[in-house]
Amino acid sequence: MSEQTHPVLDLEHFLPYRLSVLSNRISADIAAFYRDRFGLSVTEWRAMAVLGRYPGASGMDITERTAMDKVAVSRAVNALLDRGLVLREFDRADRRRSILTLSEQGQAVYDEIAPLALKLEASLLASLDEAERNQLWQLLDKLDAAELRAHG
């Protein structure tokens, strides 16, 4: 009887796994704050973060910018609308397209969370010198472009 060999996926050296674990660990650090203080899920905060940067974005814009599932984004946007953190209007030219903006209350929440997120990022990047930070951004851009070519 011959021994069947199986491919071995060394997770500790598998880039998608490492990036995911790192992302989850970093996200968890700030997620506890916005969950405990504001009752926001990760998906809800990411939607708010997009709207804080790109007021007037649609649900589809949020989906594309965050690479999150369309249904998850829809649920997050609806929860934010129900809580009054986000306002929705409809595009006059295309009534199917919604235009989303942070409400005054939503902007206040964003204004409280965003500096914390930036402080966390600065703390993380402080372990790299300027050349390493520049190289990191270049490498991330290169990987992002390669991923787009692979699926495009």
C-alpha atoms as a PDB file:
ATOM      1  CA  MET A   1       0.000   0.000   0.000  1.00  0.00           C
ATOM      2  CA  SER A   2       1.502   3.322  -1.068  1.00  0.00           C
ATOM      3  CA  GLU A   3       1.526   6.279   1.215  1.00  0.00           C
ATOM      4  CA  GLN A   4      -0.460   9.178  -0.195  1.00  0.00           C
ATOM      5  CA  THR A   5       1.204  12.542   0.156  1.00  0.00           C
ATOM      6  CA  HIS A   6      -0.790  15.707   0.525  1.00  0.00           C
ATOM      7  CA  PRO A   7       0.286  19.245  -0.168  1.00  0.00           C
ATOM      8  CA  VAL A   8       1.258  21.055   3.017  1.00  0.00           C
ATOM      9  CA  LEU A   9       0.175  24.630   3.469  1.00  0.00           C
ATOM     10  CA  ASP A  10       2.600  26.246   5.888  1.00  0.00           C
ATOM     11  CA  LEU A  11       0.277  28.919   7.249  1.00  0.00           C
ATOM     12  CA  GLU A  12       3.020  30.814   9.045  1.00  0.00           C
ATOM     13  CA  HIS A  13       4.590  31.494   5.632  1.00  0.00           C
ATOM     14  CA  PHE A  14       1.391  31.818   3.570  1.00  0.00           C
ATOM     15  CA  LEU A  15       0.954  35.502   2.716  1.00  0.00           C
ATOM     16  CA  PRO A  16      -2.880  35.657   2.650  1.00  0.00           C
ATOM     17  CA  TYR A  17      -2.999  33.996   6.073  1.00  0.00           C
ATOM     18  CA  ARG A  18      -0.345  36.300   7.565  1.00  0.00           C
ATOM     19  CA  LEU A  19      -2.042  39.414   6.184  1.00  0.00           C
ATOM     20  CA  SER A  20      -5.421  38.259   7.474  1.00  0.00           C
ATOM     21  CA  VAL A  21      -4.123  37.468  10.955  1.00  0.00           C
ATOM     22  CA  LEU A  22      -2.303  40.801  11.164  1.00  0.00           C
ATOM     23  CA  SER A  23      -5.359  42.682   9.939  1.00  0.00           C
ATOM     24  CA  ASN A  24      -7.625  40.890  12.403  1.00  0.00           C
ATOM     25  CA  ARG A  25      -5.255  41.578  15.293  1.00  0.00           C
ATOM     26  CA  ILE A  26      -4.965  45.271  14.485  1.00  0.00           C
ATOM     27  CA  SER A  27      -8.709  45.623  13.856  1.00  0.00           C
ATOM     28  CA  ALA A  28      -9.485  43.929  17.164  1.00  0.00           C
ATOM     29  CA  ASP A  29      -7.481  46.580  19.037  1.00  0.00           C
ATOM     30  CA  ILE A  30      -9.696  49.396  17.854  1.00  0.00           C
ATOM     31  CA  ALA A  31     -12.887  47.335  17.468  1.00  0.00           C
ATOM     32  CA  ALA A  32     -13.241  46.924  21.220  1.00  0.00           C
ATOM     33  CA  PHE A  33     -13.305  50.696  21.615  1.00  0.00           C
ATOM     34  CA  TYR A  34     -15.971  51.451  19.023  1.00  0.00           C
ATOM     35  CA  ARG A  35     -18.028  48.424  20.016  1.00  0.00           C
ATOM     36  CA  ASP A  36     -17.980  49.212  23.739  1.00  0.00           C
ATOM     37  CA  ARG A  37     -18.322  52.980  23.461  1.00  0.00           C
ATOM     38  CA  PHE A  38     -20.587  53.299  20.413  1.00  0.00           C
ATOM     39  CA  GLY A  39     -22.112  49.859  19.887  1.00  0.00           C
ATOM     40  CA  LEU A  40     -20.688  49.646  16.373  1.00  0.00           C
ATOM     41  CA  SER A  41     -19.696  46.480  14.581  1.00  0.00           C
ATOM     42  CA  VAL A  42     -16.538  46.321  12.475  1.00  0.00           C
ATOM     43  CA  THR A  43     -18.670  46.488   9.320  1.00  0.00           C
ATOM     44  CA  GLU A  44     -20.599  49.503  10.585  1.00  0.00           C
ATOM     45  CA  TRP A  45     -17.410  51.361  11.504  1.00  0.00           C
ATOM     46  CA  ARG A  46     -15.822  50.587   8.133  1.00  0.00           C
ATOM     47  CA  ALA A  47     -18.905  51.954   6.373  1.00  0.00           C
ATOM     48  CA  MET A  48     -18.697  55.086   8.517  1.00  0.00           C
ATOM     49  CA  ALA A  49     -14.981  55.402   7.804  1.00  0.00           C
ATOM     50  CA  VAL A  50     -15.670  55.356   4.055  1.00  0.00           C
ATOM     51  CA  LEU A  51     -18.416  57.957   4.443  1.00  0.00           C
ATOM     52  CA  GLY A  52     -16.155  60.099   6.598  1.00  0.00           C
ATOM     53  CA  ARG A  53     -13.592  60.114   3.798  1.00  0.00           C
ATOM     54  CA  TYR A  54     -16.009  60.027   0.843  1.00  0.00           C
ATOM     55  CA  PRO A  55     -19.279  61.786   1.750  1.00  0.00           C
ATOM     56  CA  GLY A  56     -22.019  60.984  -0.739  1.00  0.00           C
ATOM     57  CA  ALA A  57     -20.798  57.451  -1.428  1.00  0.00           C
ATOM     58  CA  SER A  58     -23.344  54.789  -2.271  1.00  0.00           C
ATOM     59  CA  GLY A  59     -23.669  51.359  -0.674  1.00  0.00           C
ATOM     60  CA  MET A  60     -21.945  49.921  -3.746  1.00  0.00           C
ATOM     61  CA  ASP A  61     -19.090  52.412  -3.314  1.00  0.00           C
ATOM     62  CA  ILE A  62     -18.665  51.235   0.288  1.00  0.00           C
ATOM     63  CA  THR A  63     -18.690  47.607  -0.853  1.00  0.00           C
ATOM     64  CA  GLU A  64     -15.996  48.299  -3.453  1.00  0.00           C
ATOM     65  CA  ARG A  65     -13.789  50.415  -1.176  1.00  0.00           C
ATOM     66  CA  THR A  66     -13.875  47.935   1.719  1.00  0.00           C
ATOM     67  CA  ALA A  67     -14.005  44.666  -0.257  1.00  0.00           C
ATOM     68  CA  MET A  68     -16.734  43.580   2.159  1.00  0.00           C
ATOM     69  CA  ASP A  69     -19.716  41.450   1.246  1.00  0.00           C
ATOM     70  CA  LYS A  70     -22.595  43.401  -0.339  1.00  0.00           C
ATOM     71  CA  VAL A  71     -25.147  41.934   2.077  1.00  0.00           C
ATOM     72  CA  ALA A  72     -22.971  42.787   5.105  1.00  0.00           C
ATOM     73  CA  VAL A  73     -22.585  46.371   3.864  1.00  0.00           C
ATOM     74  CA  SER A  74     -26.327  46.650   3.275  1.00  0.00           C
ATOM     75  CA  ARG A  75     -27.046  45.450   6.811  1.00  0.00           C
ATOM     76  CA  ALA A  76     -24.459  47.834   8.259  1.00  0.00           C
ATOM     77  CA  VAL A  77     -25.841  50.806   6.325  1.00  0.00           C
ATOM     78  CA  ASN A  78     -29.394  49.963   7.397  1.00  0.00           C
ATOM     79  CA  ALA A  79     -28.303  49.708  11.043  1.00  0.00           C
ATOM     80  CA  LEU A  80     -26.536  53.069  10.771  1.00  0.00           C
ATOM     81  CA  LEU A  81     -29.611  54.618   9.154  1.00  0.00           C
ATOM     82  CA  ASP A  82     -31.845  53.197  11.914  1.00  0.00           C
ATOM     83  CA  ARG A  83     -29.539  54.695  14.571  1.00  0.00           C
ATOM     84  CA  GLY A  84     -29.458  58.065  12.855  1.00  0.00           C
ATOM     85  CA  LEU A  85     -25.708  57.949  12.253  1.00  0.00           C
ATOM     86  CA  VAL A  86     -26.107  58.020   8.478  1.00  0.00           C
ATOM     87  CA  LEU A  87     -28.502  59.909   6.207  1.00  0.00           C
ATOM     88  CA  ARG A  88     -29.703  58.695   2.807  1.00  0.00           C
ATOM     89  CA  GLU A  89     -30.914  60.588  -0.213  1.00  0.00           C
ATOM     90  CA  PHE A  90     -31.565  59.225  -3.664  1.00  0.00           C
ATOM     91  CA  ASP A  91     -29.774  60.327  -6.796  1.00  0.00           C
ATOM     92  CA  ARG A  92     -32.135  62.443  -8.906  1.00  0.00           C
ATOM     93  CA  ALA A  93     -30.758  60.995 -12.142  1.00  0.00           C
ATOM     94  CA  ASP A  94     -30.865  57.367 -10.917  1.00  0.00           C
ATOM     95  CA  ARG A  95     -33.387  56.733  -8.137  1.00  0.00           C
ATOM     96  CA  ARG A  96     -31.832  53.290  -7.543  1.00  0.00           C
ATOM     97  CA  ARG A  97     -28.564  54.887  -6.382  1.00  0.00           C
ATOM     98  CA  SER A  98     -28.504  56.097  -2.805  1.00  0.00           C
ATOM     99  CA  ILE A  99     -26.305  58.933  -1.618  1.00  0.00           C
ATOM    100  CA  LEU A 100     -25.100  58.323   1.927  1.00  0.00           C
ATOM    101  CA  THR A 101     -23.608  60.863   4.326  1.00  0.00           C
ATOM    102  CA  LEU A 102     -22.815  60.899   8.002  1.00  0.00           C
ATOM    103  CA  SER A 103     -25.422  62.684  10.082  1.00  0.00           C
ATOM    104  CA  GLU A 104     -24.301  65.282  12.615  1.00  0.00           C
ATOM    105  CA  GLN A 105     -24.307  62.540  15.258  1.00  0.00           C
ATOM    106  CA  GLY A 106     -22.479  60.168  12.896  1.00  0.00           C
ATOM    107  CA  GLN A 107     -19.847  62.812  12.193  1.00  0.00           C
ATOM    108  CA  ALA A 108     -19.323  63.289  15.935  1.00  0.00           C
ATOM    109  CA  VAL A 109     -18.772  59.528  16.359  1.00  0.00           C
ATOM    110  CA  TYR A 110     -16.397  59.509  13.392  1.00  0.00           C
ATOM    111  CA  ASP A 111     -14.520  62.499  14.814  1.00  0.00           C
ATOM    112  CA  GLU A 112     -13.976  60.589  18.056  1.00  0.00           C
ATOM    113  CA  ILE A 113     -12.924  57.257  16.530  1.00  0.00           C
ATOM    114  CA  ALA A 114     -10.755  58.463  13.628  1.00  0.00           C
ATOM    115  CA  PRO A 115      -7.999  59.991  15.817  1.00  0.00           C
ATOM    116  CA  LEU A 116      -7.815  56.759  17.806  1.00  0.00           C
ATOM    117  CA  ALA A 117      -7.444  54.748  14.592  1.00  0.00           C
ATOM    118  CA  LEU A 118      -4.710  57.111  13.410  1.00  0.00           C
ATOM    119  CA  LYS A 119      -2.934  56.853  16.770  1.00  0.00           C
ATOM    120  CA  LEU A 120      -3.061  53.056  16.560  1.00  0.00           C
ATOM    121  CA  GLU A 121      -1.657  53.168  13.035  1.00  0.00           C
ATOM    122  CA  ALA A 122       1.143  55.532  14.124  1.00  0.00           C
ATOM    123  CA  SER A 123       1.992  53.235  17.004  1.00  0.00           C
ATOM    124  CA  LEU A 124       2.182  50.252  14.690  1.00  0.00           C
ATOM    125  CA  LEU A 125       4.238  52.082  12.060  1.00  0.00           C
ATOM    126  CA  ALA A 126       6.605  53.445  14.722  1.00  0.00           C
ATOM    127  CA  SER A 127       8.315  50.052  14.691  1.00  0.00           C
ATOM    128  CA  LEU A 128       9.474  50.845  11.127  1.00  0.00           C
ATOM    129  CA  ASP A 129      11.857  53.580  10.030  1.00  0.00           C
ATOM    130  CA  GLU A 130      10.848  55.983   7.253  1.00  0.00           C
ATOM    131  CA  ALA A 131      12.483  53.922   4.501  1.00  0.00           C
ATOM    132  CA  GLU A 132      10.708  50.768   5.739  1.00  0.00           C
ATOM    133  CA  ARG A 133       7.355  52.593   5.884  1.00  0.00           C
ATOM    134  CA  ASN A 134       7.816  53.824   2.321  1.00  0.00           C
ATOM    135  CA  GLN A 135       8.815  50.344   1.221  1.00  0.00           C
ATOM    136  CA  LEU A 136       5.783  48.846   2.985  1.00  0.00           C
ATOM    137  CA  TRP A 137       3.398  51.173   1.125  1.00  0.00           C
ATOM    138  CA  GLN A 138       5.152  50.421  -2.179  1.00  0.00           C
ATOM    139  CA  LEU A 139       4.964  46.677  -1.573  1.00  0.00           C
ATOM    140  CA  LEU A 140       1.300  46.838  -0.560  1.00  0.00           C
ATOM    141  CA  ASP A 141       0.512  48.844  -3.711  1.00  0.00           C
ATOM    142  CA  LYS A 142       2.404  46.305  -5.807  1.00  0.00           C
ATOM    143  CA  LEU A 143       0.585  43.358  -4.208  1.00  0.00           C
ATOM    144  CA  ASP A 144      -2.752  45.114  -4.637  1.00  0.00           C
ATOM    145  CA  ALA A 145      -2.056  45.720  -8.329  1.00  0.00           C
ATOM    146  CA  ALA A 146      -0.939  42.100  -8.801  1.00  0.00           C
ATOM    147  CA  GLU A 147      -4.133  40.869  -7.147  1.00  0.00           C
ATOM    148  CA  LEU A 148      -6.204  43.046  -9.473  1.00  0.00           C
ATOM    149  CA  ARG A 149      -4.391  41.686 -12.545  1.00  0.00           C
ATOM    150  CA  ALA A 150      -4.906  38.118 -11.350  1.00  0.00           C
ATOM    151  CA  HIS A 151      -8.664  38.603 -11.135  1.00  0.00           C
ATOM    152  CA  GLY A 152      -9.164  41.215 -13.840  1.00  0.00           C
END
